[in-house]
N, C-alpha and C. Protein backbone atom coordinates (compact mmCIF):
# COMPACT_ATOMS: atom_id res chain seq x y z
N MET A 1 0.09 83.57 -30.74
CA MET A 1 -1.24 82.90 -29.96
C MET A 1 -1.31 83.42 -28.59
N ASN A 2 -2.61 83.14 -28.54
CA ASN A 2 -3.42 83.77 -27.01
C ASN A 2 -3.87 82.27 -26.55
N GLN A 3 -3.35 82.49 -25.35
CA GLN A 3 -3.75 81.14 -24.63
C GLN A 3 -4.25 81.74 -22.95
N LEU A 4 -4.69 80.73 -22.76
CA LEU A 4 -5.25 81.36 -21.38
C LEU A 4 -5.28 79.66 -20.54
N TYR A 5 -4.65 80.32 -19.25
CA TYR A 5 -4.30 78.72 -18.42
C TYR A 5 -5.38 79.05 -17.50
N LEU A 6 -5.83 77.73 -16.52
CA LEU A 6 -5.99 77.24 -15.21
C LEU A 6 -5.80 76.84 -14.14
N GLY A 7 -5.24 77.68 -13.40
CA GLY A 7 -4.10 76.92 -12.58
C GLY A 7 -3.09 77.51 -11.60
N ASP A 8 -2.42 77.11 -10.87
CA ASP A 8 -1.81 77.55 -9.66
C ASP A 8 -0.45 78.35 -11.50
N CYS A 9 -0.09 79.70 -11.24
CA CYS A 9 1.02 80.17 -11.99
C CYS A 9 2.33 79.40 -12.00
N LEU A 10 2.76 78.70 -10.61
CA LEU A 10 3.40 78.21 -10.68
C LEU A 10 3.71 77.24 -12.15
N ASP A 11 2.97 76.29 -11.76
CA ASP A 11 2.66 75.05 -12.61
C ASP A 11 2.37 75.47 -14.00
N VAL A 12 1.66 76.17 -14.58
CA VAL A 12 1.89 76.54 -15.42
C VAL A 12 3.03 77.19 -15.90
N LEU A 13 3.50 77.97 -15.51
CA LEU A 13 5.11 78.54 -15.98
C LEU A 13 6.29 77.87 -16.17
N ARG A 14 6.40 76.75 -15.74
CA ARG A 14 6.91 75.82 -15.50
C ARG A 14 7.09 74.67 -16.61
N LYS A 15 5.37 74.37 -16.97
CA LYS A 15 5.46 73.64 -17.82
C LYS A 15 5.05 73.77 -19.05
N TYR A 16 4.12 75.05 -19.37
CA TYR A 16 4.38 75.62 -20.63
C TYR A 16 4.96 77.17 -21.25
N ILE A 17 5.49 77.85 -20.28
CA ILE A 17 6.36 78.88 -20.31
C ILE A 17 7.78 79.06 -20.92
N LYS A 18 8.50 78.97 -22.17
CA LYS A 18 9.94 78.79 -21.77
C LYS A 18 10.61 80.20 -21.82
N ASP A 19 11.95 80.16 -21.46
CA ASP A 19 13.01 81.21 -20.48
C ASP A 19 12.60 82.17 -21.99
N GLU A 20 12.66 83.06 -21.37
CA GLU A 20 12.88 84.51 -21.96
C GLU A 20 11.26 84.90 -23.02
N SER A 21 10.50 84.50 -22.70
CA SER A 21 9.88 84.52 -23.90
C SER A 21 8.39 85.66 -23.64
N VAL A 22 8.48 86.41 -22.69
CA VAL A 22 7.60 87.03 -22.12
C VAL A 22 7.54 89.01 -21.69
N ASP A 23 7.17 89.65 -23.12
CA ASP A 23 7.85 90.98 -23.19
C ASP A 23 7.00 91.50 -21.43
N LEU A 24 5.32 91.21 -21.51
CA LEU A 24 5.40 92.13 -19.96
C LEU A 24 4.17 91.00 -19.13
N ILE A 25 4.27 91.49 -17.76
CA ILE A 25 4.51 90.56 -16.92
C ILE A 25 3.85 91.40 -15.74
N TYR A 26 2.21 91.66 -15.19
CA TYR A 26 1.73 91.74 -14.41
C TYR A 26 1.32 90.55 -13.94
N ILE A 27 1.58 90.95 -12.33
CA ILE A 27 0.76 89.46 -11.62
C ILE A 27 0.67 89.95 -9.80
N ASP A 28 -0.95 89.65 -10.25
CA ASP A 28 -2.16 90.23 -8.55
C ASP A 28 -2.10 89.49 -7.36
N PRO A 29 -1.09 88.83 -7.17
CA PRO A 29 -1.43 87.46 -5.87
C PRO A 29 -2.02 87.45 -5.11
N PRO A 30 -2.31 86.97 -4.64
CA PRO A 30 -3.33 86.47 -2.61
C PRO A 30 -2.28 87.76 -2.18
N PHE A 31 -2.69 88.82 -1.22
CA PHE A 31 -2.20 89.47 -0.87
C PHE A 31 -2.24 89.31 0.70
N ASN A 32 -1.82 87.84 1.48
CA ASN A 32 -1.58 87.01 2.76
C ASN A 32 -2.89 87.33 3.65
N SER A 33 -4.05 87.74 3.30
CA SER A 33 -4.84 87.99 4.40
C SER A 33 -5.43 87.50 5.52
N LYS A 34 -4.63 85.68 5.17
CA LYS A 34 -5.07 85.05 5.80
C LYS A 34 -7.07 84.70 5.99
N ARG A 35 -6.67 84.51 5.27
CA ARG A 35 -8.60 83.52 4.51
C ARG A 35 -8.49 83.19 3.89
N ASN A 36 -9.32 82.16 3.60
CA ASN A 36 -10.19 81.82 2.51
C ASN A 36 -11.27 82.04 1.64
N TYR A 37 -11.22 82.46 0.23
CA TYR A 37 -12.15 83.06 -1.14
C TYR A 37 -13.15 82.34 -1.49
N ASN A 38 -14.47 82.11 -1.55
CA ASN A 38 -15.26 80.91 -2.13
C ASN A 38 -15.97 81.94 -2.91
N ILE A 39 -16.94 80.45 -3.73
CA ILE A 39 -16.80 80.94 -4.68
C ILE A 39 -18.54 80.94 -4.88
N PHE A 40 -19.74 80.76 -4.81
CA PHE A 40 -20.93 80.90 -4.49
C PHE A 40 -21.38 80.53 -5.49
N PHE A 41 -22.07 79.37 -6.10
CA PHE A 41 -22.97 78.79 -6.92
C PHE A 41 -24.64 78.96 -6.68
N ASP A 42 -26.29 80.23 -7.62
CA ASP A 42 -26.61 79.61 -6.96
C ASP A 42 -27.84 79.04 -8.16
N ASP A 43 -27.96 78.03 -7.50
CA ASP A 43 -28.69 77.14 -8.56
C ASP A 43 -30.48 77.00 -8.47
N LYS A 44 -30.69 76.63 -9.37
CA LYS A 44 -32.84 76.95 -8.87
C LYS A 44 -32.53 76.18 -8.32
N GLU A 45 -32.04 75.07 -8.18
CA GLU A 45 -32.46 73.55 -7.10
C GLU A 45 -31.37 73.35 -5.79
N ILE A 46 -29.92 73.79 -6.15
CA ILE A 46 -29.31 74.03 -5.37
C ILE A 46 -28.32 74.77 -5.44
N GLN A 47 -28.13 75.57 -3.67
CA GLN A 47 -26.95 76.72 -3.90
C GLN A 47 -25.84 76.42 -2.62
N THR A 48 -24.97 76.24 -3.47
CA THR A 48 -24.30 75.83 -3.00
C THR A 48 -22.51 76.78 -2.93
N GLN A 49 -21.28 76.22 -2.03
CA GLN A 49 -20.31 77.03 -2.39
C GLN A 49 -19.14 76.09 -2.42
N ARG A 50 -17.91 76.87 -3.15
CA ARG A 50 -16.56 75.75 -3.04
C ARG A 50 -15.84 76.92 -2.69
N VAL A 51 -14.32 76.65 -2.48
CA VAL A 51 -12.98 77.26 -2.21
C VAL A 51 -12.85 77.63 -3.46
N ALA A 52 -12.88 79.12 -3.89
CA ALA A 52 -12.30 79.64 -4.62
C ALA A 52 -10.76 79.78 -4.88
N PHE A 53 -10.04 80.51 -3.86
CA PHE A 53 -8.47 80.26 -3.59
C PHE A 53 -8.76 80.64 -2.17
N GLU A 54 -7.22 79.29 -1.95
CA GLU A 54 -6.83 79.98 -0.18
C GLU A 54 -5.68 81.08 0.02
N ASP A 55 -6.10 81.91 0.82
CA ASP A 55 -4.30 83.11 0.78
C ASP A 55 -3.88 82.61 2.43
N THR A 56 -3.76 81.70 2.92
CA THR A 56 -3.48 80.60 3.84
C THR A 56 -2.38 80.74 4.21
N TRP A 57 -1.09 80.77 4.95
CA TRP A 57 -0.29 80.24 4.36
C TRP A 57 0.68 79.74 5.46
N SER A 58 1.76 78.24 5.68
CA SER A 58 1.65 78.03 6.71
C SER A 58 2.90 77.24 6.56
N TYR A 59 4.05 76.77 7.80
CA TYR A 59 5.50 76.88 7.17
C TYR A 59 5.23 74.92 6.75
N LYS A 60 3.56 74.24 7.00
CA LYS A 60 2.92 73.18 6.23
C LYS A 60 3.08 72.86 4.68
N SER A 61 2.67 73.93 4.70
CA SER A 61 2.14 74.31 3.46
C SER A 61 3.11 74.66 2.30
N VAL A 62 3.96 74.98 3.34
CA VAL A 62 5.34 75.60 2.20
C VAL A 62 6.94 74.95 2.28
N GLY A 63 6.41 73.63 2.59
CA GLY A 63 7.87 72.98 3.17
C GLY A 63 8.53 72.17 2.30
N ALA A 64 7.80 71.86 1.01
CA ALA A 64 8.63 71.79 -0.08
C ALA A 64 9.21 72.87 -0.99
N SER A 65 8.65 73.68 -0.65
CA SER A 65 8.66 74.93 -1.84
C SER A 65 10.27 75.53 -0.66
N LEU A 66 10.09 75.16 0.26
CA LEU A 66 11.20 75.80 1.11
C LEU A 66 12.45 75.01 0.61
N LEU A 67 11.82 73.83 0.69
CA LEU A 67 13.42 72.62 0.17
C LEU A 67 14.00 73.44 -1.51
N GLU A 68 13.34 73.57 -1.90
CA GLU A 68 12.85 73.49 -3.40
C GLU A 68 14.22 75.11 -3.43
N LEU A 69 13.60 76.12 -2.79
CA LEU A 69 14.30 77.55 -2.50
C LEU A 69 15.29 76.96 -1.94
N GLN A 70 16.52 76.59 -1.37
CA GLN A 70 17.29 75.68 -1.25
C GLN A 70 18.49 75.44 -2.23
N THR A 71 17.74 74.91 -3.40
CA THR A 71 18.52 74.75 -4.36
C THR A 71 19.39 76.02 -5.18
N VAL A 72 18.67 77.13 -5.05
CA VAL A 72 18.15 78.10 -5.81
C VAL A 72 19.88 78.52 -6.16
N LYS A 73 20.51 79.16 -6.66
CA LYS A 73 22.07 79.44 -6.29
C LYS A 73 21.46 81.32 -6.14
N ASN A 74 21.74 81.66 -5.51
CA ASN A 74 21.25 82.71 -5.27
C ASN A 74 21.49 83.79 -3.73
N GLU A 75 22.26 83.48 -3.10
CA GLU A 75 22.88 83.95 -2.27
C GLU A 75 22.21 85.53 -1.28
N PRO A 76 22.58 86.43 -1.58
CA PRO A 76 21.33 87.61 -1.20
C PRO A 76 20.58 86.94 -0.98
N LEU A 77 19.31 86.42 -1.98
CA LEU A 77 17.74 85.57 -1.54
C LEU A 77 17.98 85.43 -0.55
N HIS A 78 18.79 84.31 -0.46
CA HIS A 78 18.82 83.17 0.89
C HIS A 78 18.88 84.17 2.72
N THR A 79 19.90 84.82 2.40
CA THR A 79 20.14 85.60 3.32
C THR A 79 19.23 86.31 4.00
N LEU A 80 18.28 86.94 2.85
CA LEU A 80 17.37 88.12 3.41
C LEU A 80 15.91 86.97 3.43
N LEU A 81 15.81 85.78 3.20
CA LEU A 81 14.81 84.40 3.62
C LEU A 81 14.87 84.35 5.26
N ASN A 82 16.42 84.27 5.15
CA ASN A 82 16.97 83.97 6.49
C ASN A 82 16.24 84.46 7.54
N ALA A 83 16.95 85.50 7.26
CA ALA A 83 16.50 87.30 7.83
C ALA A 83 14.95 87.18 8.44
N TYR A 84 14.18 87.29 7.30
CA TYR A 84 12.30 86.95 7.05
C TYR A 84 12.55 86.20 8.84
N LYS A 85 13.01 84.85 8.03
CA LYS A 85 12.34 83.75 8.94
C LYS A 85 12.20 84.17 10.58
N LEU A 86 13.46 84.71 11.39
CA LEU A 86 13.59 85.73 12.35
C LEU A 86 12.78 86.62 12.82
N VAL A 87 13.16 87.31 11.92
CA VAL A 87 12.13 88.29 12.08
C VAL A 87 10.66 88.65 11.79
N ALA A 88 10.18 88.15 10.57
CA ALA A 88 8.35 88.28 10.12
C ALA A 88 7.96 86.70 10.01
N PRO A 89 8.38 85.82 11.29
CA PRO A 89 8.06 83.88 11.26
C PRO A 89 6.43 84.25 10.62
N GLN A 90 5.41 84.74 11.16
CA GLN A 90 4.58 85.06 10.12
C GLN A 90 4.03 85.49 9.01
N VAL A 91 4.67 86.05 8.11
CA VAL A 91 4.92 86.25 6.56
C VAL A 91 5.33 85.69 6.14
N PHE A 92 6.67 84.91 6.49
CA PHE A 92 7.49 83.84 6.18
C PHE A 92 6.74 82.95 5.02
N PRO A 93 6.09 82.30 5.45
CA PRO A 93 5.38 80.94 4.38
C PRO A 93 5.33 81.57 3.60
N TYR A 94 4.36 82.81 3.87
CA TYR A 94 3.87 83.80 2.34
C TYR A 94 5.62 84.25 1.22
N LEU A 95 5.59 84.33 2.20
CA LEU A 95 7.15 84.65 1.10
C LEU A 95 8.07 84.09 0.55
N VAL A 96 7.89 82.83 1.08
CA VAL A 96 8.57 81.82 0.31
C VAL A 96 7.23 81.05 -1.06
N MET A 97 6.38 81.45 -0.85
CA MET A 97 5.23 80.97 -1.48
C MET A 97 4.84 81.83 -3.40
N MET A 98 5.77 83.21 -2.40
CA MET A 98 6.28 84.23 -3.65
C MET A 98 7.25 83.98 -4.02
N THR A 99 7.79 84.32 -3.38
CA THR A 99 9.85 84.27 -3.73
C THR A 99 9.67 82.50 -5.47
N LEU A 100 9.63 81.86 -5.04
CA LEU A 100 9.19 80.94 -6.22
C LEU A 100 8.65 81.76 -7.29
N ARG A 101 7.60 81.73 -7.06
CA ARG A 101 7.13 82.23 -8.57
C ARG A 101 7.18 83.61 -9.10
N ILE A 102 8.44 84.71 -8.71
CA ILE A 102 8.92 85.44 -9.02
C ILE A 102 10.25 85.05 -9.42
N LEU A 103 10.79 84.43 -8.95
CA LEU A 103 11.94 83.40 -9.36
C LEU A 103 11.84 82.78 -10.85
N GLU A 104 10.69 82.27 -11.04
CA GLU A 104 9.98 81.27 -12.64
C GLU A 104 9.69 82.60 -13.05
N LEU A 105 8.70 83.82 -12.60
CA LEU A 105 8.61 85.66 -13.78
C LEU A 105 9.61 85.78 -14.04
N HIS A 106 11.05 86.31 -13.67
CA HIS A 106 12.41 86.12 -14.09
C HIS A 106 12.45 85.48 -14.69
N ARG A 107 12.37 84.34 -14.81
CA ARG A 107 12.72 83.27 -16.25
C ARG A 107 12.40 83.46 -17.60
N VAL A 108 10.93 83.68 -17.06
CA VAL A 108 10.42 83.29 -18.82
C VAL A 108 10.17 84.68 -18.64
N LEU A 109 10.98 85.84 -18.37
CA LEU A 109 10.59 87.68 -18.63
C LEU A 109 12.12 87.97 -19.90
N LYS A 110 11.44 88.34 -20.55
CA LYS A 110 12.57 88.99 -21.77
C LYS A 110 13.34 89.41 -21.42
N GLU A 111 14.77 89.42 -21.61
CA GLU A 111 15.92 91.01 -21.88
C GLU A 111 14.94 92.50 -21.65
N THR A 112 14.01 92.58 -22.41
CA THR A 112 13.68 93.79 -22.91
C THR A 112 12.10 93.80 -22.03
N GLY A 113 11.96 92.62 -21.09
CA GLY A 113 10.46 92.62 -20.22
C GLY A 113 10.64 93.58 -18.96
N SER A 114 9.25 93.77 -19.11
CA SER A 114 8.88 94.25 -18.19
C SER A 114 8.09 94.22 -16.85
N PHE A 115 8.68 93.72 -15.63
CA PHE A 115 6.88 93.03 -14.48
C PHE A 115 7.01 94.38 -14.02
N TYR A 116 4.93 93.67 -13.92
CA TYR A 116 4.13 95.04 -12.59
C TYR A 116 4.23 93.86 -11.33
N LEU A 117 4.44 94.05 -10.12
CA LEU A 117 3.69 92.70 -8.89
C LEU A 117 3.06 94.16 -8.17
N HIS A 118 1.49 93.45 -8.40
CA HIS A 118 0.51 93.98 -7.34
C HIS A 118 0.70 94.24 -5.91
N CYS A 119 0.68 94.72 -4.88
CA CYS A 119 0.02 93.84 -3.66
C CYS A 119 -0.02 95.52 -2.49
N ASP A 120 -0.02 94.61 -1.48
CA ASP A 120 -1.02 96.14 -0.44
C ASP A 120 -0.12 96.60 0.41
N PRO A 121 -0.35 97.08 0.70
CA PRO A 121 0.73 97.55 1.56
C PRO A 121 1.80 97.01 3.34
N THR A 122 0.06 95.40 3.39
CA THR A 122 0.96 94.23 4.49
C THR A 122 2.39 93.89 4.08
N ALA A 123 2.10 93.22 3.48
CA ALA A 123 3.40 92.85 2.93
C ALA A 123 4.50 93.21 1.43
N SER A 124 4.31 94.92 1.30
CA SER A 124 4.42 95.74 -0.42
C SER A 124 6.34 95.69 0.36
N HIS A 125 6.80 96.20 1.47
CA HIS A 125 8.15 95.58 2.18
C HIS A 125 8.87 94.63 1.86
N TYR A 126 8.89 93.74 2.36
CA TYR A 126 8.84 92.56 2.11
C TYR A 126 9.12 92.17 1.03
N LEU A 127 8.07 92.00 -0.08
CA LEU A 127 8.30 91.86 -1.70
C LEU A 127 8.98 92.50 -2.03
N LYS A 128 9.05 93.51 -2.39
CA LYS A 128 10.44 94.42 -2.82
C LYS A 128 11.12 94.22 -2.41
N THR A 129 11.94 94.14 -1.14
CA THR A 129 13.27 93.20 -0.93
C THR A 129 13.73 92.45 -1.49
N ILE A 130 12.74 90.83 -2.27
CA ILE A 130 12.71 90.01 -2.94
C ILE A 130 12.88 89.87 -4.11
N CYS A 131 11.97 91.22 -4.32
CA CYS A 131 12.41 90.95 -5.63
C CYS A 131 13.64 92.20 -6.65
N ASP A 132 13.90 93.13 -5.30
CA ASP A 132 15.60 93.24 -6.36
C ASP A 132 16.69 92.33 -5.78
N ALA A 133 16.58 91.39 -4.46
CA ALA A 133 16.94 90.38 -4.97
C ALA A 133 17.19 89.54 -6.14
N VAL A 134 16.08 89.21 -6.74
CA VAL A 134 15.71 88.75 -7.91
C VAL A 134 16.19 89.50 -9.27
N PHE A 135 15.35 90.87 -9.27
CA PHE A 135 15.84 91.31 -10.35
C PHE A 135 17.09 92.58 -10.51
N ASN A 136 17.28 92.18 -9.20
CA ASN A 136 18.44 93.57 -8.36
C ASN A 136 17.97 94.15 -8.62
N GLU A 137 18.37 95.13 -7.79
CA GLU A 137 17.65 96.65 -7.21
C GLU A 137 17.86 97.43 -8.02
N LYS A 138 19.04 97.32 -9.36
CA LYS A 138 19.53 99.04 -9.98
C LYS A 138 18.50 98.30 -10.84
N ASN A 139 17.49 96.92 -10.97
CA ASN A 139 16.63 97.05 -12.31
C ASN A 139 14.50 97.57 -11.90
N PHE A 140 15.36 97.98 -10.56
CA PHE A 140 14.12 98.72 -10.02
C PHE A 140 13.39 100.04 -10.38
N ARG A 141 12.62 100.30 -11.29
CA ARG A 141 12.48 100.96 -12.23
C ARG A 141 10.77 102.37 -11.32
N ASN A 142 10.10 101.56 -9.98
CA ASN A 142 9.40 102.77 -10.01
C ASN A 142 8.72 101.80 -9.31
N GLU A 143 7.79 102.19 -8.10
CA GLU A 143 6.52 102.38 -6.95
C GLU A 143 5.36 102.83 -7.91
N ILE A 144 4.12 102.34 -7.75
CA ILE A 144 3.33 103.35 -8.31
C ILE A 144 1.90 102.42 -7.26
N THR A 145 1.45 103.59 -6.68
CA THR A 145 0.85 104.09 -5.62
C THR A 145 -1.07 103.81 -6.08
N TRP A 146 -1.54 102.65 -6.42
CA TRP A 146 -3.24 102.73 -6.72
C TRP A 146 -3.92 103.25 -5.52
N CYS A 147 -4.66 104.08 -5.21
CA CYS A 147 -5.22 104.47 -5.14
C CYS A 147 -6.75 104.25 -4.46
N TYR A 148 -7.66 104.41 -4.44
CA TYR A 148 -9.25 104.43 -4.38
C TYR A 148 -10.33 104.80 -3.24
N ASP A 149 -10.99 105.02 -3.10
CA ASP A 149 -12.24 105.19 -2.47
C ASP A 149 -13.74 104.72 -2.83
N THR A 150 -13.37 102.92 -1.96
CA THR A 150 -14.12 102.65 -1.41
C THR A 150 -14.73 102.51 0.42
N GLY A 151 -15.50 102.36 0.26
CA GLY A 151 -16.68 101.79 1.97
C GLY A 151 -15.77 102.64 2.57
N GLY A 152 -16.01 102.70 3.84
CA GLY A 152 -16.26 104.13 5.47
C GLY A 152 -14.72 105.07 5.08
N ARG A 153 -15.43 105.18 6.19
CA ARG A 153 -13.51 106.59 6.35
C ARG A 153 -13.63 106.30 9.02
N SER A 154 -12.11 105.88 8.43
CA SER A 154 -12.07 105.43 9.93
C SER A 154 -12.09 106.89 10.70
N LYS A 155 -12.72 106.80 11.70
CA LYS A 155 -12.40 108.11 12.72
C LYS A 155 -11.58 107.60 14.05
N THR A 156 -11.05 106.63 13.33
CA THR A 156 -9.95 106.04 14.62
C THR A 156 -8.56 105.59 14.13
N ASN A 157 -7.76 106.06 12.42
CA ASN A 157 -7.36 105.97 12.07
C ASN A 157 -7.02 106.20 10.51
N PHE A 158 -6.37 106.15 9.72
CA PHE A 158 -5.81 106.59 8.58
C PHE A 158 -6.65 105.53 7.55
N PRO A 159 -7.08 106.08 6.87
CA PRO A 159 -8.02 105.30 6.00
C PRO A 159 -6.89 104.12 4.70
N ARG A 160 -7.42 102.62 5.05
CA ARG A 160 -6.16 101.86 4.40
C ARG A 160 -6.77 101.60 2.56
N LYS A 161 -6.42 103.18 2.14
CA LYS A 161 -7.04 102.65 0.41
C LYS A 161 -6.10 103.03 -0.42
N HIS A 162 -5.24 101.99 -0.67
CA HIS A 162 -4.62 102.36 -1.62
C HIS A 162 -3.12 101.00 -1.87
N ASP A 163 -3.73 100.65 -3.02
CA ASP A 163 -2.46 99.53 -3.19
C ASP A 163 -0.73 99.89 -3.82
N ILE A 164 0.54 98.70 -3.75
CA ILE A 164 1.77 99.05 -4.51
C ILE A 164 1.65 98.35 -5.79
N ILE A 165 2.01 98.89 -6.38
CA ILE A 165 2.76 97.35 -7.54
C ILE A 165 3.38 98.44 -7.84
N PHE A 166 4.76 97.59 -7.98
CA PHE A 166 6.14 97.73 -8.04
C PHE A 166 6.49 97.34 -9.59
N TRP A 167 7.92 97.82 -10.63
CA TRP A 167 7.27 97.86 -11.56
C TRP A 167 9.64 97.34 -11.49
N TYR A 168 9.53 95.99 -12.28
CA TYR A 168 10.68 96.00 -12.58
C TYR A 168 11.18 95.76 -14.14
N GLY A 169 13.12 95.90 -14.24
CA GLY A 169 12.76 95.94 -15.76
C GLY A 169 13.50 94.05 -15.71
N LYS A 170 13.98 93.58 -16.82
CA LYS A 170 14.94 92.24 -16.50
C LYS A 170 16.26 92.61 -17.10
N THR A 171 16.03 93.89 -17.92
CA THR A 171 17.69 94.84 -17.24
C THR A 171 17.76 95.77 -17.75
N LYS A 172 18.48 96.40 -17.96
CA LYS A 172 18.29 98.03 -18.54
C LYS A 172 17.74 97.80 -19.76
N ASN A 173 17.76 97.14 -20.12
CA ASN A 173 17.35 97.51 -21.98
C ASN A 173 15.88 97.23 -21.82
N ASN A 174 15.40 96.91 -20.37
CA ASN A 174 13.37 96.68 -20.89
C ASN A 174 12.92 98.12 -21.18
N ARG A 175 11.78 97.29 -22.09
CA ARG A 175 11.06 98.01 -22.54
C ARG A 175 9.52 99.25 -21.45
N PHE A 176 9.55 100.59 -21.93
CA PHE A 176 7.89 100.93 -21.18
C PHE A 176 7.04 100.54 -22.09
N PHE A 177 6.45 99.94 -20.86
CA PHE A 177 4.78 99.57 -21.35
C PHE A 177 3.58 100.50 -20.56
N THR A 178 3.11 100.98 -20.99
CA THR A 178 2.71 102.48 -20.65
C THR A 178 1.19 101.81 -19.75
N MET A 179 0.68 102.95 -18.84
CA MET A 179 0.37 101.76 -17.74
C MET A 179 -1.04 102.19 -18.80
N ARG A 180 -1.45 102.11 -19.88
CA ARG A 180 -2.96 102.71 -20.87
C ARG A 180 -2.87 100.70 -20.42
N LEU A 181 -1.90 100.22 -21.56
CA LEU A 181 -1.89 99.00 -21.15
C LEU A 181 -1.92 97.65 -19.91
N LEU A 182 -1.38 98.67 -18.91
CA LEU A 182 -1.99 98.04 -17.65
C LEU A 182 -2.73 98.00 -17.54
N CYS A 183 -3.61 99.11 -17.54
CA CYS A 183 -5.27 99.20 -16.92
C CYS A 183 -6.51 98.80 -18.07
N ASN A 184 -5.77 98.16 -19.13
CA ASN A 184 -6.44 97.28 -19.92
C ASN A 184 -6.67 96.11 -19.46
N VAL A 185 -5.77 95.58 -18.65
CA VAL A 185 -4.97 93.96 -18.32
C VAL A 185 -5.91 93.88 -16.76
N THR A 186 -5.82 94.48 -16.51
CA THR A 186 -6.84 95.39 -14.90
C THR A 186 -8.17 94.90 -15.09
N GLN A 187 -8.47 95.87 -16.36
CA GLN A 187 -9.66 96.25 -16.18
C GLN A 187 -10.52 97.33 -15.34
N GLN A 188 -8.80 98.79 -14.78
CA GLN A 188 -9.69 99.46 -14.03
C GLN A 188 -8.98 101.00 -14.39
N PRO A 189 -10.34 102.01 -14.69
CA PRO A 189 -9.57 102.83 -15.18
C PRO A 189 -8.72 103.03 -14.35
N CYS A 190 -8.30 104.28 -15.61
CA CYS A 190 -6.84 104.96 -14.97
C CYS A 190 -5.94 105.86 -14.45
N THR A 191 -7.62 107.07 -14.34
CA THR A 191 -7.71 107.79 -13.60
C THR A 191 -7.45 107.19 -11.73
N ASN A 192 -7.13 106.05 -11.17
CA ASN A 192 -7.36 105.69 -10.34
C ASN A 192 -5.48 105.86 -9.78
N LEU A 193 -5.18 105.50 -10.65
CA LEU A 193 -3.42 105.18 -10.87
C LEU A 193 -3.29 106.42 -11.07
N TYR A 194 -2.28 107.01 -9.16
CA TYR A 194 -1.69 107.79 -9.33
C TYR A 194 0.28 107.47 -8.79
């Protein structure tokens, strides 16, 4: 039975998705760009816009999430987050938001399931360590570098033209889902995956 849900994945996961019921998870979350994204409506009579989603995170916006994380029984995860609070205070609220979602995604993933996390290099190193703490580093399967060629070329810097996709299994018994399936999910040509 296929279902399409509209809303924050955390709310949907908690309300509708049972424990260990999902074979494949691909998540392309906000990248902590510190921007809000608008959707534009161009009606014949009215032109308007509204916020499609916010990619700005603050201690205030994640306060309840931080309290909730304190109840999670995962000492390595707490140690890691406490360290990030000290050494990366600007990215810490984003990591709190992502950690709660990664924990819920881990809950719903089947023992044989695969989890793919799409992110960019600005937060990938932080997110990988969080995934290691949640999924266990021995369940890390691979890091996929997604290269793309759009926009101009800098003469003063190396181009920022790739994203990262982390692949984790929930256990050593995870099934391998081919990249063809992943490309179908993202509607991107597989030739861009290296």
